[in-house]
Amino acid sequence: MSILYLDCGMGAAGDMLTAALLELFPHPEKMVEALNALGVPGVRYQRELTQKCGITGTHMHVYVGDTEEGEHSHAHHEHHEHHDHPHSSMEQLEHWIGHIQASDAVKNNIRAVYNRIAQAESAVHGVSIQGIHFHEVGSLDALADVTAVCYLMEQLGNPTVYASPVHVGSGHVSCAHGILPVPAPATAEILKGIPIYGGQILGELCTPTGAALLKQFVAEFGNMPVMTPQAVGYGMGKKDFAMANCVRAVLGSDSREGTDSIVELRCNLDDMTAEDIGFAMEQLLRAGAPEVFTTPIGMKKNRPGTMLTVLCRANQREEMVRLLLRHTSTLGIRESVCRRFTLTRREKTVDTPYGKVRCKISEGYGVCRRKPEYDDLSAIAEAQQLPLSEIRRSLQSE
C-alpha cells in the first residue's frame, strides 16, 4: 500500500503542499508542464529551487496573467457585495473548474475543497454560501493551488495520507476584515476535529486553503506510521523563520504486506422501507463508495432495524456523509478509520476453449486465488446454452 505522510510542523498552505508533492516525482519539471496544461484560466505555474535553514526544496510561483500572487488566504474570501476589485462567486468558480483538463475525480476533489472553504466563510460571516464572494485574482491563485494538489494526489496513485498535528502559528494577522487572531476564523472553522497547536512563531502558518486540503485528503493525524520511505519532498514557504518554513512530504509503502486504511461510516435505521434503503445504497455506490452493505439489528423497544455501512477513502468521507444524511432518515453517523489486510489484486485475460476470459487474481500472505469474471462466464453460458456452474467447473479444471 502506498502511504503519504505530511509533516505540518510549520503549518500548511496550498503552494507549500503543491511544492512538496512535486518533489516526490522523478522529474518534477515534467509535472509542472502537466500542471500548466490543465488549463486553469490565466494561470501559469513555475518551480524554483530554494533553501531554508540549509535544506534545499521547491518554492512554487503562481502567476495570474503577468502578476505573481501569494496565497493571502482570508483576504481572498469576502461576503460583501461592493468592492473596488473584481470578484467571483461559487458559480464562477464552478465554471472555471468545469473547463479544467482533468479527470472527474480531480474536479470533484477541487469542488469539495472549495465547499469546505465556502462553508467556513459562511459560518464565520453569517451569510449563505451563495453570498460568499472571492477576490478574482486571489481566487484564481488559490484555485491553482487546490487544482495542483488534487491533480498531483491522483498522479501519485491516491495514496493513503497521514499528517502530523498542524502548527498554526500565533499572534494576529491583518486582512480585509481587520486584525484577526491566528488561526484566522475561517481557518479555525475548517480545522475543527483536527489536532492543532500554537507556538513561539509569530504569524499565520496554516491558511484556509491549506487547512481545507488537509481535511480533504488526510485519513488520520498523528505520528508518522510505520513505513518504508521511497521519496521525500520539501515544499518551501515564502517567509523565513528560525525553523525551516516548509511542509515535508514522505512517500513510501506500508512495511506490512497488504495493509491499508479505510473509513467506515455507519448509521442505524428503523423507519425506512427496503426500497428506500436500496435507493440510498445505489446513490452511495454511484458516488464511488468501494462498498456499501446492510446488517439486520435489533433497536430500542425491540424494533427490528438495519445498520447501513459505507466503506470509503478519506477524501470521499464528506461526500458520503452528505449522501447518507440526504438519502436516509438517520440523525447521526458513526465513523471509524480501520486498518485492513488485503490481497494484491490484478486482472489477467486467459485463453480458454470457449474464448478469452478475464480472471481476477488475488495474491499475498502465501495465498494465490484465481476467479473468472462473472460477465464473461455468463456470456459463454448463454452462447453455449449450458449451465453457468458447468462452465465454471470446466474452466477450473483447465
Protein backbone atom coordinates (compact mmCIF):
# COMPACT_ATOMS: atom_id res chain seq x y z
CA MET A 1 0.00 0.00 0.00
CA SER A 2 1.24 3.49 -0.88
CA ILE A 3 1.44 5.88 2.09
CA LEU A 4 1.98 9.64 2.10
CA TYR A 5 2.96 11.39 5.33
CA LEU A 6 2.78 15.19 5.59
CA ASP A 7 4.85 16.89 8.28
CA CYS A 8 2.96 20.09 9.10
CA GLY A 9 5.30 21.30 11.83
CA MET A 10 5.38 24.67 10.06
CA GLY A 11 1.73 24.66 9.09
CA ALA A 12 0.32 24.18 5.62
CA ALA A 13 -0.52 26.36 2.64
CA GLY A 14 -1.60 25.45 -0.87
CA ASP A 15 1.67 26.44 -2.54
CA MET A 16 3.76 24.59 0.06
CA LEU A 17 1.72 21.40 -0.35
CA THR A 18 1.99 21.66 -4.15
CA ALA A 19 5.76 22.10 -3.96
CA ALA A 20 6.23 19.20 -1.53
CA LEU A 21 4.19 16.83 -3.71
CA LEU A 22 6.08 17.91 -6.86
CA GLU A 23 9.38 16.83 -5.31
CA LEU A 24 8.10 13.27 -4.92
CA PHE A 25 8.15 12.73 -8.70
CA PRO A 26 11.35 11.64 -10.51
CA HIS A 27 11.01 14.53 -12.99
CA PRO A 28 9.28 17.47 -11.27
CA GLU A 29 9.64 19.78 -14.28
CA LYS A 30 7.53 17.41 -16.39
CA MET A 31 4.83 17.59 -13.74
CA VAL A 32 5.00 21.40 -13.86
CA GLU A 33 4.38 21.13 -17.62
CA ALA A 34 1.42 18.87 -16.89
CA LEU A 35 0.04 21.41 -14.39
CA ASN A 36 0.32 24.19 -16.96
CA ALA A 37 -1.56 22.01 -19.45
CA LEU A 38 -4.56 21.68 -17.10
CA GLY A 39 -5.94 24.98 -18.32
CA VAL A 40 -6.59 26.84 -15.07
CA PRO A 41 -7.69 30.14 -16.66
CA GLY A 42 -4.93 32.71 -16.90
CA VAL A 43 -2.64 30.76 -14.55
CA ARG A 44 0.97 29.73 -15.05
CA TYR A 45 2.99 27.56 -12.64
CA GLN A 46 6.74 27.94 -12.19
CA ARG A 47 9.08 25.92 -9.97
CA GLU A 48 12.12 27.38 -8.19
CA LEU A 49 14.70 25.56 -6.08
CA THR A 50 15.43 27.42 -2.85
CA GLN A 51 16.89 26.83 0.62
CA LYS A 52 15.54 27.19 4.15
CA CYS A 53 17.89 26.53 7.08
CA GLY A 54 20.29 24.68 4.77
CA ILE A 55 17.58 22.42 3.29
CA THR A 56 17.03 22.53 -0.47
CA GLY A 57 13.43 22.33 -1.59
CA THR A 58 10.90 23.68 -4.06
CA HIS A 59 9.11 27.01 -3.97
CA MET A 60 6.13 27.36 -6.30
CA HIS A 61 5.36 30.56 -8.13
CA VAL A 62 1.83 31.02 -9.45
CA TYR A 63 1.26 33.78 -12.00
CA VAL A 64 -2.21 35.10 -12.80
CA GLY A 65 -1.63 36.84 -16.10
CA ASP A 66 1.69 38.61 -15.65
CA THR A 67 1.29 39.08 -11.91
CA GLU A 68 2.64 36.73 -9.28
CA GLU A 69 0.18 36.32 -6.46
CA GLY A 70 0.64 34.97 -2.95
CA GLU A 71 -1.89 32.94 -1.00
CA HIS A 72 -3.40 35.66 1.17
CA SER A 73 -5.97 33.21 2.49
CA HIS A 74 -8.78 35.04 4.25
CA ALA A 75 -8.13 38.21 2.26
CA HIS A 76 -9.43 36.27 -0.72
CA HIS A 77 -12.79 35.50 0.76
CA GLU A 78 -15.38 38.22 1.12
CA HIS A 79 -19.11 38.31 1.63
CA HIS A 80 -19.75 41.95 0.85
CA GLU A 81 -21.28 42.94 -2.44
CA HIS A 82 -19.35 46.16 -3.15
CA HIS A 83 -15.57 46.33 -3.55
CA ASP A 84 -13.03 48.07 -5.70
CA HIS A 85 -11.75 44.77 -7.13
CA PRO A 86 -13.47 42.27 -9.43
CA HIS A 87 -14.95 39.30 -7.59
CA SER A 88 -16.03 35.79 -8.45
CA SER A 89 -18.80 33.73 -6.96
CA MET A 90 -19.09 30.00 -6.38
CA GLU A 91 -20.91 29.90 -9.73
CA GLN A 92 -17.90 31.47 -11.46
CA LEU A 93 -15.56 29.03 -9.72
CA GLU A 94 -17.71 26.13 -10.90
CA HIS A 95 -17.40 27.48 -14.45
CA TRP A 96 -13.61 27.57 -14.15
CA ILE A 97 -13.47 24.10 -12.62
CA GLY A 98 -15.61 22.69 -15.41
CA HIS A 99 -13.07 23.81 -18.01
CA ILE A 100 -10.02 22.34 -16.28
CA GLN A 101 -8.50 19.49 -18.30
CA ALA A 102 -8.51 16.90 -15.52
CA SER A 103 -10.46 13.79 -14.55
CA ASP A 104 -13.87 13.97 -12.91
CA ALA A 105 -12.30 12.66 -9.69
CA VAL A 106 -9.87 15.60 -9.60
CA LYS A 107 -12.65 18.09 -10.33
CA ASN A 108 -14.83 16.60 -7.59
CA ASN A 109 -11.99 16.96 -5.09
CA ILE A 110 -11.49 20.60 -6.15
CA ARG A 111 -15.21 21.26 -5.61
CA ALA A 112 -15.13 19.54 -2.22
CA VAL A 113 -12.17 21.65 -1.06
CA TYR A 114 -13.89 24.85 -2.13
CA ASN A 115 -17.11 23.78 -0.46
CA ARG A 116 -15.18 23.43 2.79
CA ILE A 117 -13.76 26.93 2.43
CA ALA A 118 -17.14 28.41 1.49
CA GLN A 119 -18.92 26.68 4.38
CA ALA A 120 -16.31 28.02 6.80
CA GLU A 121 -16.62 31.56 5.44
CA SER A 122 -20.41 31.26 5.60
CA ALA A 123 -20.30 30.19 9.24
CA VAL A 124 -17.82 32.91 10.23
CA HIS A 125 -19.53 35.79 8.43
CA GLY A 126 -23.12 34.67 8.96
CA VAL A 127 -24.09 34.67 5.30
CA SER A 128 -25.23 31.99 2.88
CA ILE A 129 -22.72 30.12 0.75
CA GLN A 130 -24.29 31.81 -2.28
CA GLY A 131 -23.36 35.16 -0.70
CA ILE A 132 -19.67 34.31 -0.45
CA HIS A 133 -17.52 36.14 -3.00
CA PHE A 134 -13.82 35.78 -3.76
CA HIS A 135 -11.33 38.36 -4.99
CA GLU A 136 -10.96 37.27 -8.62
CA VAL A 137 -7.15 37.27 -8.84
CA GLY A 138 -6.84 35.79 -5.36
CA SER A 139 -9.36 33.08 -6.06
CA LEU A 140 -7.53 32.09 -9.26
CA ASP A 141 -4.31 31.87 -7.26
CA ALA A 142 -5.99 29.65 -4.67
CA LEU A 143 -7.74 27.64 -7.41
CA ALA A 144 -4.31 26.99 -8.95
CA ASP A 145 -3.03 25.59 -5.63
CA VAL A 146 -6.12 23.48 -4.98
CA THR A 147 -6.11 22.13 -8.54
CA ALA A 148 -2.40 21.30 -8.37
CA VAL A 149 -2.68 19.37 -5.10
CA CYS A 150 -5.77 17.42 -6.25
CA TYR A 151 -4.10 16.57 -9.57
CA LEU A 152 -0.78 15.55 -8.02
CA MET A 153 -2.53 13.33 -5.46
CA GLU A 154 -4.16 11.46 -8.35
CA GLN A 155 -0.85 11.19 -10.21
CA LEU A 156 0.71 9.68 -7.08
CA GLY A 157 -1.96 6.96 -7.18
CA ASN A 158 -4.20 8.38 -4.42
CA PRO A 159 -2.04 7.14 -1.53
CA THR A 160 -3.42 6.83 1.99
CA VAL A 161 -2.49 10.17 3.55
CA TYR A 162 -1.40 10.71 7.15
CA ALA A 163 -0.31 14.01 8.68
CA SER A 164 1.20 15.41 11.85
CA PRO A 165 -0.77 17.74 14.11
CA VAL A 166 -0.86 21.15 12.43
CA HIS A 167 1.22 24.08 13.70
CA VAL A 168 -0.98 27.14 13.16
CA GLY A 169 1.38 29.86 14.44
CA SER A 170 0.46 32.59 16.92
CA GLY A 171 -0.31 36.27 17.25
CA HIS A 172 -2.51 38.22 14.86
CA VAL A 173 -2.84 38.71 11.12
CA SER A 174 -4.10 41.68 9.14
CA CYS A 175 -6.71 41.05 6.45
CA ALA A 176 -9.64 42.70 4.66
CA HIS A 177 -11.81 42.43 7.79
CA GLY A 178 -9.24 43.97 10.13
CA ILE A 179 -6.74 42.45 12.56
CA LEU A 180 -7.69 38.87 13.43
CA PRO A 181 -6.25 36.24 15.79
CA VAL A 182 -4.22 33.32 14.48
CA PRO A 183 -5.53 30.94 13.29
CA ALA A 184 -7.86 33.17 11.30
CA PRO A 185 -11.56 32.46 11.99
CA ALA A 186 -12.16 30.67 8.67
CA THR A 187 -9.06 28.53 9.20
CA ALA A 188 -10.14 27.67 12.74
CA GLU A 189 -13.57 26.68 11.43
CA ILE A 190 -12.08 24.32 8.83
CA LEU A 191 -9.66 22.83 11.36
CA LYS A 192 -12.43 21.62 13.67
CA GLY A 193 -11.73 17.99 14.55
CA ILE A 194 -8.04 18.23 13.56
CA PRO A 195 -5.25 18.33 16.21
CA ILE A 196 -3.55 21.75 16.10
CA TYR A 197 -1.12 23.71 18.27
CA GLY A 198 0.41 27.17 18.51
CA GLY A 199 3.95 28.07 19.45
CA GLN A 200 6.54 30.80 19.66
CA ILE A 201 6.49 31.67 15.96
CA LEU A 202 4.51 34.83 15.30
CA GLY A 203 2.43 34.71 12.15
CA GLU A 204 -0.12 32.68 10.24
CA LEU A 205 1.35 29.28 9.36
CA CYS A 206 -1.81 27.50 8.22
CA THR A 207 -4.10 29.13 5.66
CA PRO A 208 -7.74 28.28 4.88
CA THR A 209 -6.68 26.68 1.60
CA GLY A 210 -4.03 24.56 3.33
CA ALA A 211 -6.48 23.54 6.07
CA ALA A 212 -9.17 22.58 3.55
CA LEU A 213 -6.71 20.48 1.52
CA LEU A 214 -5.56 18.64 4.65
CA LYS A 215 -9.13 17.96 5.71
CA GLN A 216 -9.98 16.68 2.24
CA PHE A 217 -7.14 14.19 1.89
CA VAL A 218 -5.78 13.19 5.31
CA ALA A 219 -7.15 9.95 6.74
CA GLU A 220 -5.53 10.28 10.15
CA PHE A 221 -3.50 12.86 12.10
CA GLY A 222 -0.71 11.78 14.46
CA ASN A 223 2.79 10.35 14.42
CA MET A 224 4.35 9.02 11.26
CA PRO A 225 3.13 5.44 10.67
CA VAL A 226 5.50 2.53 10.18
CA MET A 227 6.51 2.84 6.54
CA THR A 228 9.34 2.32 4.08
CA PRO A 229 10.20 5.74 2.54
CA GLN A 230 10.74 5.93 -1.20
CA ALA A 231 10.75 9.69 -1.85
CA VAL A 232 10.93 12.84 0.28
CA GLY A 233 9.85 16.32 -0.80
CA TYR A 234 10.20 19.76 0.78
CA GLY A 235 7.69 22.46 -0.12
CA MET A 236 9.06 25.85 0.89
CA GLY A 237 7.04 28.81 2.14
CA LYS A 238 7.75 32.45 1.30
CA LYS A 239 8.80 33.73 4.72
CA ASP A 240 11.93 32.95 6.71
CA PHE A 241 11.75 31.86 10.36
CA ALA A 242 14.16 30.36 12.87
CA MET A 243 12.74 26.97 11.83
CA ALA A 244 12.74 25.74 8.23
CA ASN A 245 9.50 27.08 6.77
CA CYS A 246 8.41 24.04 4.81
CA VAL A 247 6.00 21.15 4.52
CA ARG A 248 7.80 17.82 4.27
CA ALA A 249 6.11 15.03 2.30
CA VAL A 250 7.30 11.44 2.67
CA LEU A 251 6.02 8.90 0.15
CA GLY A 252 6.51 5.22 0.84
CA SER A 253 4.90 1.88 1.35
CA ASP A 254 3.46 0.13 4.36
CA SER A 255 6.13 -2.13 5.79
CA ARG A 256 3.46 -4.70 6.50
CA GLU A 257 2.36 -6.73 3.49
CA GLY A 258 -1.08 -5.98 2.08
CA THR A 259 -2.39 -3.41 4.54
CA ASP A 260 -4.18 -0.13 4.05
CA SER A 261 -6.66 2.15 5.79
CA ILE A 262 -10.29 2.76 5.00
CA VAL A 263 -13.03 4.90 6.55
CA GLU A 264 -16.11 3.08 7.81
CA LEU A 265 -19.34 5.10 8.17
CA ARG A 266 -22.35 3.52 9.91
CA CYS A 267 -25.89 4.54 10.79
CA ASN A 268 -28.89 2.71 12.27
CA LEU A 269 -32.27 2.86 10.52
CA ASP A 270 -35.65 1.65 11.77
CA ASP A 271 -38.15 3.76 9.82
CA MET A 272 -37.18 3.25 6.17
CA THR A 273 -38.54 0.75 3.68
CA ALA A 274 -36.25 -1.75 1.99
CA GLU A 275 -36.78 0.06 -1.31
CA ASP A 276 -35.73 3.40 0.19
CA ILE A 277 -32.61 1.86 1.74
CA GLY A 278 -31.81 0.23 -1.59
CA PHE A 279 -32.10 3.58 -3.34
CA ALA A 280 -29.74 5.18 -0.82
CA MET A 281 -27.22 2.37 -1.39
CA GLU A 282 -27.39 2.94 -5.15
CA GLN A 283 -26.60 6.65 -4.69
CA LEU A 284 -23.61 5.86 -2.47
CA LEU A 285 -22.20 3.30 -4.90
CA ARG A 286 -22.78 5.64 -7.83
CA ALA A 287 -20.78 8.32 -6.00
CA GLY A 288 -17.80 5.96 -5.82
CA ALA A 289 -18.08 4.17 -2.47
CA PRO A 290 -15.98 0.99 -2.74
CA GLU A 291 -18.52 -0.97 -0.68
CA VAL A 292 -21.97 -0.46 0.84
CA PHE A 293 -23.83 -3.13 2.82
CA THR A 294 -26.56 -3.65 5.40
CA THR A 295 -26.76 -5.64 8.63
CA PRO A 296 -30.01 -6.58 10.42
CA ILE A 297 -30.03 -5.30 14.01
CA GLY A 298 -32.38 -5.03 16.98
CA MET A 299 -33.11 -1.50 18.23
CA LYS A 300 -34.87 0.09 21.20
CA LYS A 301 -38.41 -1.05 22.02
CA ASN A 302 -37.48 -4.32 20.28
CA ARG A 303 -37.90 -2.77 16.85
CA PRO A 304 -36.08 -4.57 14.03
CA GLY A 305 -33.72 -2.23 12.23
CA THR A 306 -30.97 -2.05 9.65
CA MET A 307 -27.40 -0.85 10.07
CA LEU A 308 -26.16 0.74 6.85
CA THR A 309 -22.37 0.66 6.45
CA VAL A 310 -20.31 2.53 3.88
CA LEU A 311 -16.62 1.91 3.23
CA CYS A 312 -14.79 4.80 1.58
CA ARG A 313 -11.45 6.57 1.22
CA ALA A 314 -10.64 9.53 3.44
CA ASN A 315 -11.11 12.02 0.61
CA GLN A 316 -14.61 10.62 -0.04
CA ARG A 317 -15.75 10.99 3.58
CA GLU A 318 -17.56 14.32 3.34
CA GLU A 319 -19.46 13.40 0.19
CA MET A 320 -20.56 10.06 1.66
CA VAL A 321 -21.72 11.75 4.87
CA ARG A 322 -23.70 14.25 2.81
CA LEU A 323 -25.37 11.47 0.81
CA LEU A 324 -26.17 9.43 3.94
CA LEU A 325 -27.86 12.41 5.59
CA ARG A 326 -29.70 13.31 2.40
CA HIS A 327 -31.00 9.88 1.40
CA THR A 328 -31.64 8.22 4.77
CA SER A 329 -33.64 9.14 7.85
CA THR A 330 -30.64 8.91 10.20
CA LEU A 331 -29.92 11.73 12.63
CA GLY A 332 -26.27 10.80 13.09
CA ILE A 333 -23.39 8.84 11.59
CA ARG A 334 -20.57 6.97 13.32
CA GLU A 335 -17.08 6.96 11.84
CA SER A 336 -14.10 4.64 12.29
CA VAL A 337 -10.76 4.61 10.47
CA CYS A 338 -9.89 0.93 10.04
CA ARG A 339 -6.66 -0.75 9.06
CA ARG A 340 -7.39 -3.69 6.81
CA PHE A 341 -5.31 -6.54 5.46
CA THR A 342 -5.73 -7.18 1.76
CA LEU A 343 -4.51 -9.42 -1.03
CA THR A 344 -2.92 -7.74 -4.02
CA ARG A 345 -5.39 -7.85 -6.89
CA ARG A 346 -4.84 -7.81 -10.63
CA GLU A 347 -6.70 -8.87 -13.76
CA LYS A 348 -5.42 -11.16 -16.48
CA THR A 349 -7.07 -12.30 -19.72
CA VAL A 350 -6.59 -16.03 -20.42
CA ASP A 351 -7.33 -18.20 -23.45
CA THR A 352 -9.89 -20.99 -22.88
CA PRO A 353 -11.68 -23.50 -25.16
CA TYR A 354 -14.59 -21.04 -25.10
CA GLY A 355 -12.51 -17.97 -25.99
CA LYS A 356 -10.85 -15.25 -23.94
CA VAL A 357 -11.92 -14.92 -20.30
CA ARG A 358 -10.85 -12.27 -17.83
CA CYS A 359 -9.66 -13.63 -14.48
CA LYS A 360 -9.26 -11.80 -11.19
CA ILE A 361 -6.05 -12.89 -9.48
CA SER A 362 -5.51 -12.23 -5.77
CA GLU A 363 -2.11 -12.82 -4.12
CA GLY A 364 -0.34 -12.26 -0.81
CA TYR A 365 0.37 -13.86 2.58
CA GLY A 366 1.26 -17.09 0.75
CA VAL A 367 -2.16 -17.21 -0.93
CA CYS A 368 -2.96 -17.16 -4.66
CA ARG A 369 -6.54 -17.23 -5.93
CA ARG A 370 -7.99 -17.02 -9.42
CA LYS A 371 -11.62 -16.22 -10.17
CA PRO A 372 -13.11 -15.93 -13.68
CA GLU A 373 -15.06 -12.73 -14.39
CA TYR A 374 -18.80 -13.39 -13.97
CA ASP A 375 -19.81 -11.33 -17.01
CA ASP A 376 -17.55 -13.43 -19.26
CA LEU A 377 -18.82 -16.69 -17.77
CA SER A 378 -22.48 -15.73 -18.17
CA ALA A 379 -21.89 -14.66 -21.80
CA ILE A 380 -20.28 -18.06 -22.54
CA ALA A 381 -23.06 -19.95 -20.75
CA GLU A 382 -25.73 -18.17 -22.80
CA ALA A 383 -23.84 -18.70 -26.07
CA GLN A 384 -23.25 -22.42 -25.35
CA GLN A 385 -26.70 -22.98 -23.82
CA LEU A 386 -25.07 -24.56 -20.77
CA PRO A 387 -25.49 -24.03 -17.01
CA LEU A 388 -23.17 -21.44 -15.52
CA SER A 389 -21.88 -23.97 -12.97
CA GLU A 390 -20.78 -26.34 -15.75
CA ILE A 391 -18.80 -23.60 -17.50
CA ARG A 392 -17.15 -22.66 -14.21
CA ARG A 393 -16.17 -26.28 -13.42
CA SER A 394 -14.81 -26.71 -16.94
CA LEU A 395 -12.57 -23.68 -16.63
CA GLN A 396 -11.37 -24.60 -13.14
CA SER A 397 -10.20 -27.98 -14.43
CA GLU A 398 -8.09 -26.32 -17.14
